[in-house]
Structure formats: C-alpha cells, structure tokens
Protein backbone atom coordinates (compact mmCIF):
# COMPACT_ATOMS: atom_id res chain seq x y z
CA MET A 1 -10.17 -0.26 38.09
CA GLU A 2 -10.79 0.78 34.50
CA GLN A 3 -13.21 3.48 33.70
CA THR A 4 -15.06 3.23 30.46
CA THR A 5 -15.79 6.38 28.61
CA PRO A 6 -19.14 6.70 26.96
CA THR A 7 -19.01 6.21 23.22
CA SER A 8 -20.09 8.97 20.95
CA ASN A 9 -21.55 6.48 18.47
CA PRO A 10 -21.89 2.86 19.59
CA LYS A 11 -22.76 1.75 16.05
CA ALA A 12 -19.72 3.33 14.42
CA GLY A 13 -18.37 1.07 11.68
CA LYS A 14 -20.89 -1.68 12.39
CA ALA A 15 -22.41 -1.76 8.87
CA LEU A 16 -19.00 -1.80 7.21
CA GLY A 17 -17.88 -4.50 9.65
CA ILE A 18 -20.84 -6.70 8.74
CA ALA A 19 -20.27 -6.12 5.01
CA GLY A 20 -16.56 -6.89 5.38
CA MET A 21 -17.30 -10.05 7.36
CA VAL A 22 -19.84 -11.27 4.80
CA LEU A 23 -17.39 -10.66 1.96
CA GLY A 24 -14.68 -12.40 3.95
CA ILE A 25 -16.90 -15.45 4.48
CA VAL A 26 -17.77 -15.48 0.77
CA ALA A 27 -14.06 -15.31 -0.03
CA VAL A 28 -13.27 -18.23 2.28
CA LEU A 29 -16.06 -20.39 0.86
CA PHE A 30 -15.32 -19.49 -2.76
CA SER A 31 -11.57 -20.02 -2.34
CA PHE A 32 -12.09 -23.76 -1.85
CA ILE A 33 -13.51 -24.23 -5.37
CA PRO A 34 -10.77 -25.83 -7.47
CA CYS A 35 -9.40 -23.63 -10.25
CA LEU A 36 -12.05 -20.94 -9.66
CA GLY A 37 -11.00 -20.16 -6.11
CA VAL A 38 -8.47 -17.68 -7.46
CA TYR A 39 -11.35 -15.27 -8.02
CA ALA A 40 -11.99 -15.25 -4.26
CA LEU A 41 -9.28 -12.60 -4.13
CA ILE A 42 -11.81 -10.02 -5.34
CA PRO A 43 -14.34 -10.26 -2.47
CA GLY A 44 -11.48 -10.99 -0.07
CA ILE A 45 -9.65 -7.76 -0.84
CA ILE A 46 -12.86 -5.70 -0.80
CA GLY A 47 -13.87 -7.32 2.50
CA LEU A 48 -10.45 -6.60 3.97
CA ILE A 49 -10.64 -2.93 2.99
CA LEU A 50 -14.16 -2.54 4.41
CA SER A 51 -13.20 -4.34 7.62
CA VAL A 52 -10.13 -2.19 8.18
CA ILE A 53 -12.17 0.98 7.62
CA SER A 54 -14.77 -0.36 10.07
CA PHE A 55 -12.07 -1.16 12.63
CA VAL A 56 -10.63 2.36 12.40
CA GLN A 57 -14.08 3.96 12.74
CA ALA A 58 -15.03 1.77 15.70
CA ASN A 59 -11.67 2.39 17.36
CA LYS A 60 -12.06 6.17 17.08
CA ALA A 61 -15.59 6.06 18.47
CA GLY A 62 -14.77 3.49 21.14
CA ALA A 63 -17.42 1.13 19.76
CA ALA A 64 -17.32 -2.66 19.52
CA LYS A 65 -14.80 -3.97 17.02
CA GLY A 66 -15.83 -7.64 16.90
CA MET A 67 -17.39 -7.61 13.44
CA ALA A 68 -14.45 -5.71 12.01
CA ILE A 69 -11.94 -8.16 13.48
CA ALA A 70 -13.96 -11.13 12.22
CA GLY A 71 -14.13 -9.53 8.77
CA ILE A 72 -10.39 -8.96 8.73
CA ALA A 73 -9.71 -12.55 9.79
CA CYS A 74 -12.10 -14.09 7.24
CA SER A 75 -10.83 -11.86 4.44
CA VAL A 76 -7.19 -12.64 5.19
CA VAL A 77 -7.88 -16.39 5.29
CA GLY A 78 -9.88 -16.23 2.03
CA CYS A 79 -7.19 -14.18 0.31
CA GLY A 80 -4.50 -16.51 1.61
CA ILE A 81 -6.16 -19.63 0.24
CA ALA A 82 -6.96 -17.92 -3.06
CA GLY A 83 -3.40 -16.61 -3.32
CA TYR A 84 -2.03 -20.10 -2.69
CA GLN A 85 -4.27 -21.49 -5.41
CA TRP A 86 -3.19 -18.73 -7.80
CA LYS A 87 0.48 -19.51 -7.12
CA LYS A 88 -0.03 -23.25 -7.74
CA LEU A 89 -2.00 -22.66 -10.96
CA ASN A 90 0.68 -20.25 -12.14
CA ASP A 91 3.40 -22.82 -11.41
CA LEU A 92 1.40 -25.49 -13.26
CA SER A 93 0.97 -23.23 -16.26
CA HIS A 94 4.70 -22.55 -16.44
CA ALA A 95 5.49 -26.26 -16.04
CA ILE A 96 3.18 -27.18 -18.92
CA GLN A 97 4.67 -24.50 -21.15
CA ASP A 98 8.23 -25.51 -20.30
CA SER A 99 7.60 -29.23 -20.82
CA GLY A 100 6.63 -28.85 -24.46
CA ALA A 101 3.36 -30.68 -23.92
CA LEU A 102 1.46 -27.91 -25.71
CA ASP A 103 3.69 -28.27 -28.76
CA SER A 104 3.01 -32.00 -28.99
CA LEU A 105 -0.72 -31.39 -28.48
CA ASN A 106 -0.76 -28.84 -31.31
CA LYS A 107 1.14 -31.28 -33.50
CA ALA A 108 -1.39 -34.04 -32.77
CA MET A 109 -4.27 -31.69 -33.57
CA ASP A 110 -2.67 -30.83 -36.91
CA GLN A 111 -2.30 -34.54 -37.69
CA LEU A 112 -5.99 -35.10 -36.90
CA LYS A 113 -6.95 -32.28 -39.24
CA ASN A 114 -4.87 -33.83 -42.03
CA MET A 115 -6.50 -37.26 -41.58
CA ASN A 116 -9.91 -35.95 -42.71
CA ILE A 117 -11.61 -37.72 -39.85
CA THR A 118 -14.83 -35.82 -40.55
CA ASP A 119 -15.27 -37.59 -43.89
CA SER A 120 -15.06 -41.02 -42.28
CA LEU A 121 -17.47 -39.93 -39.51
CA ASN A 122 -19.95 -38.64 -42.07
CA SER A 123 -19.83 -41.91 -44.03
CA ALA A 124 -20.33 -43.88 -40.80
CA VAL A 125 -23.41 -41.79 -39.97
CA GLU A 126 -24.80 -42.37 -43.47
CA GLN A 127 -24.28 -46.13 -43.13
CA MET A 128 -26.09 -46.12 -39.79
CA GLN A 129 -29.00 -44.17 -41.28
CA ASN A 130 -29.22 -46.55 -44.22
CA ALA A 131 -29.16 -49.55 -41.90
CA ASP A 132 -31.86 -47.98 -39.74
CA SER A 133 -34.12 -47.22 -42.70
CA THR A 134 -33.79 -50.75 -44.13
CA ALA A 135 -34.45 -52.34 -40.73
CA SER A 136 -37.67 -50.36 -40.27
CA HIS A 137 -39.11 -51.58 -43.62
C-alpha cells in the first residue's frame, strides 16, 4: 500500500499551469488559421515554457500536475501544427522563387506600366460622366 506524503504547497505551479494551458489552447486554435497559423508558435512556445516550469514546481511540492501536463500537450500540438504550416509555406516560397513566376509577374507589371492604362481609364471615366450629365438633362 502506498503512503502519500502531505504536500507542502498543494497549489504549487497551479497558476503557471493554467496560464500554460490557456496559451497552449490559443496556439492550437490559432494554428489552424491558413497562412497566419505560423504565428501560433509564439503563444505555443511561451505556453510550453510556463507549463514545464509549472510541472517542475508541482513535482517538487508533490502537488497535482494535471494542468501542467495539459498545457504541455496543448502547446506541443499547437507548435507542431504551426511548425508544419511554416515548413509548407517556406517550401512554397522557395518553389515560387525557383520557378521564375515572380520574374514573369514583374515583366507583366512593367508592360502594364508602359501601356499607359491609366490614361485610357481616365478617358473612360470622363465619357461616363459626360453621358450621365447629358442623360440627366
């Protein structure tokens, strides 16, 4: 039969565990946002650090470690999803740069600038205004 020793502080690490778990949950939820989920690494890493500190404090005091473990799990999952998204966005960026698509896009933009498309748009707007003013009279 196991004997339990009384804890010196039953609330040791509880506040940090709750904070770490909340940040871990925020990281998990935020990591599912396309393209912006990469930024879930920030609360995920902070939540992981707080949860580990909470776990160590609770372990030394013999207090409950549930919140700390939940915070560690949520933070790791959030960081994992965000890291995966970061890797895929990085791969996509390199693929676009290597394909030369940006060069052709820049070339097309230069051609549009040379066509003086703004002059033709301005004349079209003037024609519409003239037509509108003659129709109202």
